[in-house]
Every structure is written in structure tokens, then in C-alpha cells.
Amino acid sequence: MKNNNNNNTIDLPSSFSEDSILFDVRAPKSIVLTPENLQILKDSKLLQQGQNWDYLYKLLFQIVLSPVKSVKNEIEEEKRRLTRPYTFGIQVRTGGNLANDFERTSMISEEALYRIPNQIEDICKKHNVTYSEWNLYISSDSDRATNYLFDTFQSKFNVIYSTKHARGHTSSGHLKTNSLMSALIDVHILGSSDILLTTRGSGFGRMASAMVYPHPSYFIRVNRTLVKRQS
């Protein structure tokens, strides 16, 4: 396994003492997700006719992100709060000054955040969503974004977000256990949603979108900009 940032090989046996090791394996889709490669997988009987890249990604993430029993119990405990029959999952990756921990790169500005409810309502109209039958599960690196969406939709949906572990985004090579637990809970609930809205360009959102297949998945448009910390 390679760490693409510095091209160093990870010593797998010694990594077992760490909480987690992060490395970027996102290759450009134009190189990997080709018709030729898909046909190779079908010829090798790894995929059946009619199965596609979305199906494969769903299987891979289900395997790679399969949690231990203690984490499964926490996921099921969180799911019990989803008391309505259907769930609309939303992942808002803000970065910048909106994030709980400031980041130089902003993905969603405050102005863009205020447009998200309109996108959610448009999706609901498209799928004839009856609000009284739906949960809205929110995952975000921003308490401001979470609270805004909660206040906006609490009269319509059963609005839920995980509070047991600290949320955030990892920009270093070592992930804190609390953040890892929060991420695992969120990605599994998002991935089991009936409708999903994630932030375009977010690796976390991409995993959730793969896991939710074949249910509908949508993206929040982003505008990556470099920002200064607000005083």
C-alpha cells in the first residue's frame, strides 16, 4: 500500500498498534472505471452481467468498512433513533470557517449552506416524499451547518444526528478514535439511507454514495476556495 503524499510504503505489521492509518487511494475515474476494466471483471466472473462499477464499489466498501461487534452495536443503537419508516441522509462537508476545526480550504460557504434546504425540498418533491414518514439524518464537520438544518427541518422530518462521539474532519495521517467511531456510525447510516445527499468532492461522501446504491444519490455543489481564519 502506498501513501500518495510522499510515496512511502506502509509497514503493515507495525501499523497494527495504531488506531488507524490513512492513505489516499483515489485514482482518477477516467483511468480506472473504463469499459475495458469492467469487462475484465465480468470475464473473470468477479462481476455478473448487468452488474456495474456502482455495484462493485458498494461491495468493496461493505467489506472494507465492516465494523467490529462493539461498533455494530453503536450503529444499531443510533439506528433505533430513526423511528420513521424511511431515511433521507445528508452529508455536509464545509471546511473553511464553517467547520468545527478551521481549514484553509472552504468547500461550502455560508451562502451556499443556506441554499441546501431548497435542494433537499426539490429532491423530496421529485420522489414524492411525505415528510411525516421520513427521518433526516445529518452528518457534518460543522455544528453550525448541523444546527441550521436541524432548525430548518425539525417541524417536518424526524431530524437526527450523532452526538455520542466528536465529529470533524481528518487532515493528518493519524485519526483519533472518537472521530473514527463517529465516521463509521455516520457512513453506515448514510449508506443505508433511502435517499442520500452528499458533498461533491468529499471522499467520505463518495463512500456513502457507493454504499447507498441502488437508492438515489445526489450531490451538493461545492466551490473550493482558500480562506483566512476569522478572528
C-alpha atoms as a PDB file:
ATOM      1  CA  MET A   1       0.000   0.000   0.000  1.00  0.00           C
ATOM      2  CA  LYS A   2       1.282   3.432  -0.913  1.00  0.00           C
ATOM      3  CA  ASN A   3       0.867   6.792   0.744  1.00  0.00           C
ATOM      4  CA  ASN A   4       0.422   9.069  -2.265  1.00  0.00           C
ATOM      5  CA  ASN A   5       1.553  12.155  -0.368  1.00  0.00           C
ATOM      6  CA  ASN A   6       5.158  11.057  -0.008  1.00  0.00           C
ATOM      7  CA  ASN A   7       5.187   7.729  -1.887  1.00  0.00           C
ATOM      8  CA  ASN A   8       6.391   5.788   1.160  1.00  0.00           C
ATOM      9  CA  THR A   9       5.450   2.151   1.667  1.00  0.00           C
ATOM     10  CA  ILE A  10       3.413   1.497   4.810  1.00  0.00           C
ATOM     11  CA  ASP A  11       4.836  -1.120   7.168  1.00  0.00           C
ATOM     12  CA  LEU A  12       1.616  -3.088   7.673  1.00  0.00           C
ATOM     13  CA  PRO A  13       2.655  -5.283  10.669  1.00  0.00           C
ATOM     14  CA  SER A  14       3.852  -2.301  12.710  1.00  0.00           C
ATOM     15  CA  SER A  15       0.688  -0.357  11.838  1.00  0.00           C
ATOM     16  CA  PHE A  16      -1.491  -2.706  13.902  1.00  0.00           C
ATOM     17  CA  SER A  17      -0.585  -0.819  17.086  1.00  0.00           C
ATOM     18  CA  GLU A  18      -2.095   2.385  15.658  1.00  0.00           C
ATOM     19  CA  ASP A  19      -5.747   3.376  15.891  1.00  0.00           C
ATOM     20  CA  SER A  20      -5.767   3.848  12.134  1.00  0.00           C
ATOM     21  CA  ILE A  21      -3.588   4.574   9.129  1.00  0.00           C
ATOM     22  CA  LEU A  22      -4.835   6.907   6.418  1.00  0.00           C
ATOM     23  CA  PHE A  23      -3.703   6.902   2.817  1.00  0.00           C
ATOM     24  CA  ASP A  24      -5.246   8.253  -0.364  1.00  0.00           C
ATOM     25  CA  VAL A  25      -6.086   5.597  -2.941  1.00  0.00           C
ATOM     26  CA  ARG A  26      -8.426   7.652  -5.097  1.00  0.00           C
ATOM     27  CA  ALA A  27      -7.266   7.138  -8.653  1.00  0.00           C
ATOM     28  CA  PRO A  28      -8.848   9.212 -11.454  1.00  0.00           C
ATOM     29  CA  LYS A  29     -12.080   7.593 -12.642  1.00  0.00           C
ATOM     30  CA  SER A  30     -11.044   8.053 -16.258  1.00  0.00           C
ATOM     31  CA  ILE A  31      -8.110   5.692 -15.661  1.00  0.00           C
ATOM     32  CA  VAL A  32      -9.796   3.025 -13.545  1.00  0.00           C
ATOM     33  CA  LEU A  33     -13.511   2.976 -14.342  1.00  0.00           C
ATOM     34  CA  THR A  34     -13.217   2.068 -18.007  1.00  0.00           C
ATOM     35  CA  PRO A  35     -15.455  -0.257 -20.060  1.00  0.00           C
ATOM     36  CA  GLU A  36     -12.398  -2.442 -20.709  1.00  0.00           C
ATOM     37  CA  ASN A  37     -11.676  -2.935 -16.998  1.00  0.00           C
ATOM     38  CA  LEU A  38     -15.342  -3.642 -16.303  1.00  0.00           C
ATOM     39  CA  GLN A  39     -15.339  -6.331 -18.980  1.00  0.00           C
ATOM     40  CA  ILE A  40     -12.216  -7.890 -17.450  1.00  0.00           C
ATOM     41  CA  LEU A  41     -14.054  -8.217 -14.123  1.00  0.00           C
ATOM     42  CA  LYS A  42     -17.019  -9.844 -15.864  1.00  0.00           C
ATOM     43  CA  ASP A  43     -14.809 -12.201 -17.876  1.00  0.00           C
ATOM     44  CA  SER A  44     -13.089 -13.183 -14.609  1.00  0.00           C
ATOM     45  CA  LYS A  45     -16.525 -13.913 -13.055  1.00  0.00           C
ATOM     46  CA  LEU A  46     -15.899 -11.318 -10.330  1.00  0.00           C
ATOM     47  CA  LEU A  47     -18.958  -9.483 -11.605  1.00  0.00           C
ATOM     48  CA  GLN A  48     -22.055 -10.865 -13.278  1.00  0.00           C
ATOM     49  CA  GLN A  49     -23.630  -9.492 -16.437  1.00  0.00           C
ATOM     50  CA  GLY A  50     -25.752  -6.482 -15.524  1.00  0.00           C
ATOM     51  CA  GLN A  51     -23.572  -5.560 -12.536  1.00  0.00           C
ATOM     52  CA  ASN A  52     -21.592  -2.335 -12.787  1.00  0.00           C
ATOM     53  CA  TRP A  53     -18.982  -0.184 -11.063  1.00  0.00           C
ATOM     54  CA  ASP A  54     -21.554   1.108  -8.558  1.00  0.00           C
ATOM     55  CA  TYR A  55     -22.348  -2.453  -7.517  1.00  0.00           C
ATOM     56  CA  LEU A  56     -18.638  -3.265  -7.129  1.00  0.00           C
ATOM     57  CA  TYR A  57     -17.918  -0.167  -5.049  1.00  0.00           C
ATOM     58  CA  LYS A  58     -20.840  -0.996  -2.763  1.00  0.00           C
ATOM     59  CA  LEU A  59     -19.407  -4.489  -2.130  1.00  0.00           C
ATOM     60  CA  LEU A  60     -15.877  -3.190  -1.567  1.00  0.00           C
ATOM     61  CA  PHE A  61     -16.890  -0.552   0.953  1.00  0.00           C
ATOM     62  CA  GLN A  62     -19.153  -3.003   2.785  1.00  0.00           C
ATOM     63  CA  ILE A  63     -16.129  -5.288   3.188  1.00  0.00           C
ATOM     64  CA  VAL A  64     -13.514  -2.634   3.999  1.00  0.00           C
ATOM     65  CA  LEU A  65     -15.765  -0.722   6.399  1.00  0.00           C
ATOM     66  CA  SER A  66     -17.218  -3.753   8.161  1.00  0.00           C
ATOM     67  CA  PRO A  67     -17.058  -2.763  11.859  1.00  0.00           C
ATOM     68  CA  VAL A  68     -16.275  -4.884  14.888  1.00  0.00           C
ATOM     69  CA  LYS A  69     -19.156  -6.011  17.104  1.00  0.00           C
ATOM     70  CA  SER A  70     -18.879  -3.110  19.570  1.00  0.00           C
ATOM     71  CA  VAL A  71     -19.147  -0.570  16.747  1.00  0.00           C
ATOM     72  CA  LYS A  72     -22.020  -2.511  15.145  1.00  0.00           C
ATOM     73  CA  ASN A  73     -23.866  -2.223  18.452  1.00  0.00           C
ATOM     74  CA  GLU A  74     -23.380   1.550  18.450  1.00  0.00           C
ATOM     75  CA  ILE A  75     -24.613   1.788  14.864  1.00  0.00           C
ATOM     76  CA  GLU A  76     -27.734  -0.214  15.734  1.00  0.00           C
ATOM     77  CA  GLU A  77     -28.269   1.943  18.824  1.00  0.00           C
ATOM     78  CA  GLU A  78     -28.150   5.057  16.625  1.00  0.00           C
ATOM     79  CA  LYS A  79     -30.486   3.499  14.056  1.00  0.00           C
ATOM     80  CA  ARG A  80     -33.103   2.951  16.759  1.00  0.00           C
ATOM     81  CA  ARG A  81     -33.475   6.741  16.869  1.00  0.00           C
ATOM     82  CA  LEU A  82     -34.675   6.622  13.256  1.00  0.00           C
ATOM     83  CA  THR A  83     -38.249   5.983  14.278  1.00  0.00           C
ATOM     84  CA  ARG A  84     -39.899   6.703  10.924  1.00  0.00           C
ATOM     85  CA  PRO A  85     -40.022   4.185   8.028  1.00  0.00           C
ATOM     86  CA  TYR A  86     -37.663   5.999   5.627  1.00  0.00           C
ATOM     87  CA  THR A  87     -34.436   7.969   5.952  1.00  0.00           C
ATOM     88  CA  PHE A  88     -33.047  10.880   3.939  1.00  0.00           C
ATOM     89  CA  GLY A  89     -29.312  11.019   4.651  1.00  0.00           C
ATOM     90  CA  ILE A  90     -27.325  14.225   4.183  1.00  0.00           C
ATOM     91  CA  GLN A  91     -23.581  14.784   4.475  1.00  0.00           C
ATOM     92  CA  VAL A  92     -22.398  18.405   4.541  1.00  0.00           C
ATOM     93  CA  ARG A  93     -18.634  18.887   4.265  1.00  0.00           C
ATOM     94  CA  THR A  94     -17.970  22.591   4.751  1.00  0.00           C
ATOM     95  CA  GLY A  95     -14.284  23.138   5.563  1.00  0.00           C
ATOM     96  CA  GLY A  96     -13.160  26.759   5.936  1.00  0.00           C
ATOM     97  CA  ASN A  97     -14.530  28.813   8.818  1.00  0.00           C
ATOM     98  CA  LEU A  98     -17.802  26.898   8.980  1.00  0.00           C
ATOM     99  CA  ALA A  99     -16.045  23.695  10.063  1.00  0.00           C
ATOM    100  CA  ASN A 100     -15.619  22.941  13.756  1.00  0.00           C
ATOM    101  CA  ASP A 101     -11.862  22.906  13.159  1.00  0.00           C
ATOM    102  CA  PHE A 102     -10.732  25.660  10.781  1.00  0.00           C
ATOM    103  CA  GLU A 103      -9.387  24.556   7.398  1.00  0.00           C
ATOM    104  CA  ARG A 104      -7.728  26.721   4.756  1.00  0.00           C
ATOM    105  CA  THR A 105      -9.936  25.218   2.052  1.00  0.00           C
ATOM    106  CA  SER A 106     -13.640  26.052   2.114  1.00  0.00           C
ATOM    107  CA  MET A 107     -15.953  23.722   0.193  1.00  0.00           C
ATOM    108  CA  ILE A 108     -19.311  25.199   1.177  1.00  0.00           C
ATOM    109  CA  SER A 109     -19.671  28.863   2.048  1.00  0.00           C
ATOM    110  CA  GLU A 110     -22.272  30.234   4.448  1.00  0.00           C
ATOM    111  CA  GLU A 111     -24.281  31.496   1.468  1.00  0.00           C
ATOM    112  CA  ALA A 112     -24.153  28.051  -0.161  1.00  0.00           C
ATOM    113  CA  LEU A 113     -25.229  26.432   3.117  1.00  0.00           C
ATOM    114  CA  TYR A 114     -28.427  28.473   3.076  1.00  0.00           C
ATOM    115  CA  ARG A 115     -29.277  27.023  -0.359  1.00  0.00           C
ATOM    116  CA  ILE A 116     -29.133  23.390   0.813  1.00  0.00           C
ATOM    117  CA  PRO A 117     -32.706  23.320   2.231  1.00  0.00           C
ATOM    118  CA  ASN A 118     -34.060  24.251  -1.219  1.00  0.00           C
ATOM    119  CA  GLN A 119     -32.117  21.362  -2.751  1.00  0.00           C
ATOM    120  CA  ILE A 120     -33.466  18.963  -0.117  1.00  0.00           C
ATOM    121  CA  GLU A 121     -37.034  20.114  -0.775  1.00  0.00           C
ATOM    122  CA  ASP A 122     -36.582  19.786  -4.552  1.00  0.00           C
ATOM    123  CA  ILE A 123     -35.383  16.198  -4.102  1.00  0.00           C
ATOM    124  CA  CYS A 124     -38.331  15.470  -1.814  1.00  0.00           C
ATOM    125  CA  LYS A 125     -40.757  16.767  -4.455  1.00  0.00           C
ATOM    126  CA  LYS A 126     -39.093  14.624  -7.115  1.00  0.00           C
ATOM    127  CA  HIS A 127     -39.570  11.467  -5.017  1.00  0.00           C
ATOM    128  CA  ASN A 128     -42.998  12.399  -3.577  1.00  0.00           C
ATOM    129  CA  VAL A 129     -41.640  12.371  -0.023  1.00  0.00           C
ATOM    130  CA  THR A 130     -44.241  12.585   2.727  1.00  0.00           C
ATOM    131  CA  TYR A 131     -42.282  14.326   5.482  1.00  0.00           C
ATOM    132  CA  SER A 132     -44.169  12.659   8.315  1.00  0.00           C
ATOM    133  CA  GLU A 133     -42.845   9.263   7.147  1.00  0.00           C
ATOM    134  CA  TRP A 134     -39.179  10.272   6.932  1.00  0.00           C
ATOM    135  CA  ASN A 135     -36.145  10.761   9.133  1.00  0.00           C
ATOM    136  CA  LEU A 136     -33.449  13.272   8.168  1.00  0.00           C
ATOM    137  CA  TYR A 137     -30.014  12.053   9.268  1.00  0.00           C
ATOM    138  CA  ILE A 138     -27.308  14.736   9.225  1.00  0.00           C
ATOM    139  CA  SER A 139     -23.554  14.154   9.130  1.00  0.00           C
ATOM    140  CA  SER A 140     -21.281  17.194   9.013  1.00  0.00           C
ATOM    141  CA  ASP A 141     -17.898  18.608  10.020  1.00  0.00           C
ATOM    142  CA  SER A 142     -19.775  21.735  11.137  1.00  0.00           C
ATOM    143  CA  ASP A 143     -22.042  22.184  14.153  1.00  0.00           C
ATOM    144  CA  ARG A 144     -23.274  25.428  12.571  1.00  0.00           C
ATOM    145  CA  ALA A 145     -24.429  23.542   9.482  1.00  0.00           C
ATOM    146  CA  THR A 146     -25.993  20.771  11.562  1.00  0.00           C
ATOM    147  CA  ASN A 147     -27.872  23.203  13.798  1.00  0.00           C
ATOM    148  CA  TYR A 148     -29.070  25.234  10.811  1.00  0.00           C
ATOM    149  CA  LEU A 149     -30.511  22.176   9.067  1.00  0.00           C
ATOM    150  CA  PHE A 150     -31.981  20.894  12.335  1.00  0.00           C
ATOM    151  CA  ASP A 151     -33.763  24.200  12.967  1.00  0.00           C
ATOM    152  CA  THR A 152     -34.976  24.351   9.356  1.00  0.00           C
ATOM    153  CA  PHE A 153     -36.444  20.855   9.175  1.00  0.00           C
ATOM    154  CA  GLN A 154     -37.336  19.767  12.711  1.00  0.00           C
ATOM    155  CA  SER A 155     -41.014  20.580  12.110  1.00  0.00           C
ATOM    156  CA  LYS A 156     -41.104  18.280   9.038  1.00  0.00           C
ATOM    157  CA  PHE A 157     -38.684  15.388   9.478  1.00  0.00           C
ATOM    158  CA  ASN A 158     -37.567  13.409  12.478  1.00  0.00           C
ATOM    159  CA  VAL A 159     -34.127  15.085  12.413  1.00  0.00           C
ATOM    160  CA  ILE A 160     -31.275  13.017  13.859  1.00  0.00           C
ATOM    161  CA  TYR A 161     -27.510  13.463  14.133  1.00  0.00           C
ATOM    162  CA  SER A 162     -24.991  11.523  16.158  1.00  0.00           C
ATOM    163  CA  THR A 163     -23.870  13.161  19.406  1.00  0.00           C
ATOM    164  CA  LYS A 164     -22.037  10.305  21.111  1.00  0.00           C
ATOM    165  CA  HIS A 165     -18.608  10.982  19.553  1.00  0.00           C
ATOM    166  CA  ALA A 166     -16.852  14.153  18.483  1.00  0.00           C
ATOM    167  CA  ARG A 167     -17.311  14.970  14.799  1.00  0.00           C
ATOM    168  CA  GLY A 168     -14.798  16.600  12.492  1.00  0.00           C
ATOM    169  CA  HIS A 169     -12.517  16.031   9.531  1.00  0.00           C
ATOM    170  CA  THR A 170      -9.102  14.408   9.454  1.00  0.00           C
ATOM    171  CA  SER A 171      -6.333  16.283   7.673  1.00  0.00           C
ATOM    172  CA  SER A 172      -3.373  14.453   9.212  1.00  0.00           C
ATOM    173  CA  GLY A 173      -2.174  10.874   8.893  1.00  0.00           C
ATOM    174  CA  HIS A 174      -3.421   9.758  12.323  1.00  0.00           C
ATOM    175  CA  LEU A 175      -7.105   9.582  13.166  1.00  0.00           C
ATOM    176  CA  LYS A 176      -8.414   9.966  16.721  1.00  0.00           C
ATOM    177  CA  THR A 177     -10.543   7.086  17.936  1.00  0.00           C
ATOM    178  CA  ASN A 178     -13.572   9.309  18.655  1.00  0.00           C
ATOM    179  CA  SER A 179     -13.510  10.756  15.148  1.00  0.00           C
ATOM    180  CA  LEU A 180     -13.158   7.279  13.677  1.00  0.00           C
ATOM    181  CA  MET A 181     -16.151   5.994  15.645  1.00  0.00           C
ATOM    182  CA  SER A 182     -18.245   8.990  14.584  1.00  0.00           C
ATOM    183  CA  ALA A 183     -17.256   8.480  10.937  1.00  0.00           C
ATOM    184  CA  LEU A 184     -18.094   4.758  10.998  1.00  0.00           C
ATOM    185  CA  ILE A 185     -21.500   5.376  12.563  1.00  0.00           C
ATOM    186  CA  ASP A 186     -22.316   8.127  10.082  1.00  0.00           C
ATOM    187  CA  VAL A 187     -21.132   6.342   6.936  1.00  0.00           C
ATOM    188  CA  HIS A 188     -23.107   3.192   7.757  1.00  0.00           C
ATOM    189  CA  ILE A 189     -26.312   5.101   8.460  1.00  0.00           C
ATOM    190  CA  LEU A 190     -25.868   7.313   5.410  1.00  0.00           C
ATOM    191  CA  GLY A 191     -25.088   4.225   3.348  1.00  0.00           C
ATOM    192  CA  SER A 192     -28.337   2.563   4.410  1.00  0.00           C
ATOM    193  CA  SER A 193     -30.488   5.607   3.608  1.00  0.00           C
ATOM    194  CA  ASP A 194     -33.374   5.570   1.150  1.00  0.00           C
ATOM    195  CA  ILE A 195     -32.247   8.886  -0.385  1.00  0.00           C
ATOM    196  CA  LEU A 196     -28.789  10.416   0.017  1.00  0.00           C
ATOM    197  CA  LEU A 197     -27.354  13.898  -0.490  1.00  0.00           C
ATOM    198  CA  THR A 198     -23.574  14.252  -0.115  1.00  0.00           C
ATOM    199  CA  THR A 199     -20.952  16.902  -0.767  1.00  0.00           C
ATOM    200  CA  ARG A 200     -19.293  16.583  -4.171  1.00  0.00           C
ATOM    201  CA  GLY A 201     -15.546  16.036  -3.882  1.00  0.00           C
ATOM    202  CA  SER A 202     -15.700  14.571  -0.380  1.00  0.00           C
ATOM    203  CA  GLY A 203     -14.091  11.133  -0.050  1.00  0.00           C
ATOM    204  CA  PHE A 204     -16.383  10.364   2.876  1.00  0.00           C
ATOM    205  CA  GLY A 205     -19.408  11.324   0.807  1.00  0.00           C
ATOM    206  CA  ARG A 206     -18.188   9.165  -2.048  1.00  0.00           C
ATOM    207  CA  MET A 207     -18.068   6.127   0.235  1.00  0.00           C
ATOM    208  CA  ALA A 208     -21.598   6.775   1.482  1.00  0.00           C
ATOM    209  CA  SER A 209     -22.842   7.255  -2.095  1.00  0.00           C
ATOM    210  CA  ALA A 210     -21.308   3.938  -3.107  1.00  0.00           C
ATOM    211  CA  MET A 211     -22.884   2.120  -0.168  1.00  0.00           C
ATOM    212  CA  VAL A 212     -26.372   3.547  -0.746  1.00  0.00           C
ATOM    213  CA  TYR A 213     -26.592   2.086  -4.281  1.00  0.00           C
ATOM    214  CA  PRO A 214     -29.080   1.366  -5.860  1.00  0.00           C
ATOM    215  CA  HIS A 215     -31.051   4.011  -3.926  1.00  0.00           C
ATOM    216  CA  PRO A 216     -30.914   7.544  -5.366  1.00  0.00           C
ATOM    217  CA  SER A 217     -27.893   9.690  -4.517  1.00  0.00           C
ATOM    218  CA  TYR A 218     -27.396  13.419  -5.151  1.00  0.00           C
ATOM    219  CA  PHE A 219     -24.566  15.918  -4.680  1.00  0.00           C
ATOM    220  CA  ILE A 220     -24.227  19.346  -3.121  1.00  0.00           C
ATOM    221  CA  ARG A 221     -22.237  21.554  -5.468  1.00  0.00           C
ATOM    222  CA  VAL A 222     -19.049  22.975  -3.972  1.00  0.00           C
ATOM    223  CA  ASN A 223     -16.802  25.942  -4.677  1.00  0.00           C
ATOM    224  CA  ARG A 224     -13.334  25.263  -3.319  1.00  0.00           C
ATOM    225  CA  THR A 225     -11.716  28.479  -2.153  1.00  0.00           C
ATOM    226  CA  LEU A 226      -8.808  29.362   0.132  1.00  0.00           C
ATOM    227  CA  VAL A 227      -9.951  31.403   3.124  1.00  0.00           C
ATOM    228  CA  LYS A 228      -8.391  33.146   6.108  1.00  0.00           C
ATOM    229  CA  ARG A 229      -9.298  32.298   9.674  1.00  0.00           C
ATOM    230  CA  GLN A 230     -11.934  34.647  11.008  1.00  0.00           C
ATOM    231  CA  SER A 231     -10.918  36.448  14.169  1.00  0.00           C
END
